[in-house]
Amino acid sequence: MKIRVTKVFPLEMAHALYGYDGPCRNIHGHSYRLEVTLIGTPAGDPSHPKYGMVMDFSDLKKIIRTQIIDRYDHALLLNGNSPHRNLEGIDANFEKVLYVEYQPTCENILMDFHTRIRELMPSGTSIQRMILHETATSSAEWNSDDN
């Protein structure tokens, strides 16, 4: 029997969308919320320490912390293929400026997050769905049924 489990991870992050025709072309921040849903069969061996679990939530938390939270929380994401890379003094004034190889939209950030964690899931467990909430009313979703 397959079971889905979900864990939610909050993070704060800023970005700017180079070339965008609206206010998001300016540096601004969001209180993001990442939802990760896994699917798998719960461990069936009563003698196993993870008996009854698809994946220990603390193990998932460690993966998300090392691959996403530690890197992106309180960071500024800028398109590394834009003139933002050449902003004078930005790296000297901020600790976590990340130049990514994509336009840092909610959709692209979510795809980046998925790529960073997909291979780290335990055998027999896979990512079913990921949702990145950029605001209380706006989000991007990746779903395995669509891919």
Protein backbone atom coordinates (compact mmCIF):
# COMPACT_ATOMS: atom_id res chain seq x y z
CA MET A 1 0.00 0.00 0.00
CA LYS A 2 1.41 3.39 -1.03
CA ILE A 3 1.23 6.28 1.42
CA ARG A 4 2.00 9.96 0.87
CA VAL A 5 3.70 12.00 3.60
CA THR A 6 4.22 15.75 3.54
CA LYS A 7 6.49 18.11 5.44
CA VAL A 8 6.46 21.92 5.23
CA PHE A 9 9.57 24.10 5.39
CA PRO A 10 9.52 27.90 5.77
CA LEU A 11 12.31 30.08 4.38
CA GLU A 12 12.94 33.75 3.75
CA MET A 13 14.46 34.75 0.45
CA ALA A 14 14.79 37.78 -1.83
CA HIS A 15 15.10 37.98 -5.58
CA ALA A 16 14.82 40.30 -8.56
CA LEU A 17 13.56 39.39 -12.03
CA TYR A 18 15.86 40.97 -14.59
CA GLY A 19 13.99 42.28 -17.64
CA TYR A 20 10.57 41.73 -16.08
CA ASP A 21 7.91 44.33 -16.97
CA GLY A 22 6.50 44.75 -13.48
CA PRO A 23 7.53 45.64 -9.93
CA CYS A 24 9.26 42.28 -9.38
CA ARG A 25 12.18 43.57 -11.43
CA ASN A 26 13.19 45.30 -8.17
CA ILE A 27 14.87 43.45 -5.32
CA HIS A 28 12.17 42.24 -2.94
CA GLY A 29 11.66 39.39 -0.51
CA HIS A 30 9.12 36.71 0.32
CA SER A 31 8.28 34.41 3.18
CA TYR A 32 8.38 31.22 1.14
CA ARG A 33 6.86 27.93 2.24
CA LEU A 34 8.06 24.71 0.62
CA GLU A 35 5.85 21.62 0.82
CA VAL A 36 7.46 18.29 -0.03
CA THR A 37 5.23 15.25 -0.47
CA LEU A 38 6.81 11.82 -0.76
CA ILE A 39 5.19 8.56 -1.76
CA GLY A 40 6.27 5.09 -0.74
CA THR A 41 5.41 1.97 1.17
CA PRO A 42 5.81 2.18 4.95
CA ALA A 43 8.51 -0.07 6.38
CA GLY A 44 6.79 -3.36 7.19
CA ASP A 45 9.36 -5.05 9.42
CA PRO A 46 8.30 -4.68 13.09
CA SER A 47 11.93 -5.01 14.18
CA HIS A 48 13.07 -2.10 11.97
CA PRO A 49 13.49 1.24 13.81
CA LYS A 50 11.53 3.00 11.02
CA TYR A 51 8.66 0.49 11.17
CA GLY A 52 5.49 2.02 9.77
CA MET A 53 7.27 4.99 8.15
CA VAL A 54 7.59 5.92 4.50
CA MET A 55 10.52 8.11 5.55
CA ASP A 56 11.49 9.48 8.94
CA PHE A 57 10.47 13.17 8.92
CA SER A 58 13.75 14.03 10.64
CA ASP A 59 15.69 12.44 7.75
CA LEU A 60 13.70 14.49 5.24
CA LYS A 61 14.31 17.59 7.34
CA LYS A 62 18.09 16.97 7.22
CA ILE A 63 18.03 16.69 3.43
CA ILE A 64 16.00 19.86 2.99
CA ARG A 65 18.11 21.74 5.52
CA THR A 66 21.45 20.85 3.89
CA GLN A 67 20.33 21.12 0.26
CA ILE A 68 17.93 24.06 0.44
CA ILE A 69 17.52 25.91 3.76
CA ASP A 70 21.21 26.34 4.58
CA ARG A 71 21.88 27.59 1.05
CA TYR A 72 18.81 29.70 0.25
CA ASP A 73 17.32 30.96 3.53
CA HIS A 74 17.91 34.71 3.87
CA ALA A 75 19.68 34.80 0.52
CA LEU A 76 19.29 37.12 -2.44
CA LEU A 77 18.83 35.25 -5.74
CA LEU A 78 19.86 37.01 -8.91
CA ASN A 79 19.98 35.82 -12.49
CA GLY A 80 23.67 35.12 -13.09
CA ASN A 81 23.16 35.66 -16.82
CA SER A 82 22.07 39.26 -16.29
CA PRO A 83 23.91 42.52 -15.56
CA HIS A 84 23.00 41.97 -11.89
CA ARG A 85 26.22 39.99 -11.62
CA ASN A 86 28.11 43.23 -12.19
CA LEU A 87 26.36 45.38 -9.57
CA GLU A 88 29.17 47.21 -7.85
CA GLY A 89 29.58 46.44 -4.17
CA ILE A 90 26.69 44.01 -3.84
CA ASP A 91 28.85 41.05 -2.77
CA ALA A 92 30.78 43.24 -0.33
CA ASN A 93 27.59 44.42 1.36
CA PHE A 94 25.60 41.18 1.58
CA GLU A 95 26.65 37.73 2.77
CA LYS A 96 24.35 35.50 0.73
CA VAL A 97 24.04 36.70 -2.84
CA LEU A 98 23.45 33.71 -5.10
CA TYR A 99 23.81 34.03 -8.85
CA VAL A 100 21.69 31.29 -10.36
CA GLU A 101 21.75 30.19 -13.98
CA TYR A 102 18.07 30.95 -14.47
CA GLN A 103 15.51 33.70 -13.98
CA PRO A 104 14.67 33.29 -10.26
CA THR A 105 10.91 32.94 -10.63
CA CYS A 106 8.95 30.79 -8.22
CA GLU A 107 8.66 28.15 -10.95
CA ASN A 108 12.38 28.02 -11.68
CA ILE A 109 13.35 28.06 -8.01
CA LEU A 110 11.04 25.10 -7.43
CA MET A 111 12.64 23.15 -10.30
CA ASP A 112 16.07 23.90 -8.82
CA PHE A 113 14.94 22.63 -5.40
CA HIS A 114 13.53 19.46 -6.95
CA THR A 115 16.78 18.78 -8.79
CA ARG A 116 18.78 19.23 -5.58
CA ILE A 117 16.82 16.66 -3.57
CA ARG A 118 15.37 14.09 -5.98
CA GLU A 119 18.36 11.74 -5.94
CA LEU A 120 18.63 11.86 -2.14
CA MET A 121 15.35 10.08 -1.42
CA PRO A 122 15.71 6.59 0.08
CA SER A 123 15.13 3.54 -2.05
CA GLY A 124 11.44 2.87 -2.60
CA THR A 125 10.51 6.48 -1.85
CA SER A 126 10.04 9.21 -4.42
CA ILE A 127 8.88 12.80 -4.58
CA GLN A 128 5.19 12.89 -5.44
CA ARG A 129 4.68 16.64 -5.27
CA MET A 130 6.43 19.84 -4.32
CA ILE A 131 4.77 23.21 -3.86
CA LEU A 132 6.65 26.44 -3.35
CA HIS A 133 4.42 29.16 -1.92
CA GLU A 134 5.90 32.54 -2.76
CA THR A 135 3.11 34.47 -1.04
CA ALA A 136 -0.02 33.47 0.86
CA THR A 137 -1.93 33.41 -2.43
CA SER A 138 0.68 32.45 -5.06
CA SER A 139 2.58 29.20 -5.57
CA ALA A 140 4.20 26.91 -8.10
CA GLU A 141 3.68 23.14 -8.06
CA TRP A 142 5.72 20.23 -9.39
CA ASN A 143 3.82 16.93 -9.56
CA SER A 144 5.24 13.56 -10.57
CA ASP A 145 2.02 12.72 -12.43
CA ASP A 146 2.82 15.53 -14.86
CA ASN A 147 6.45 14.55 -15.49
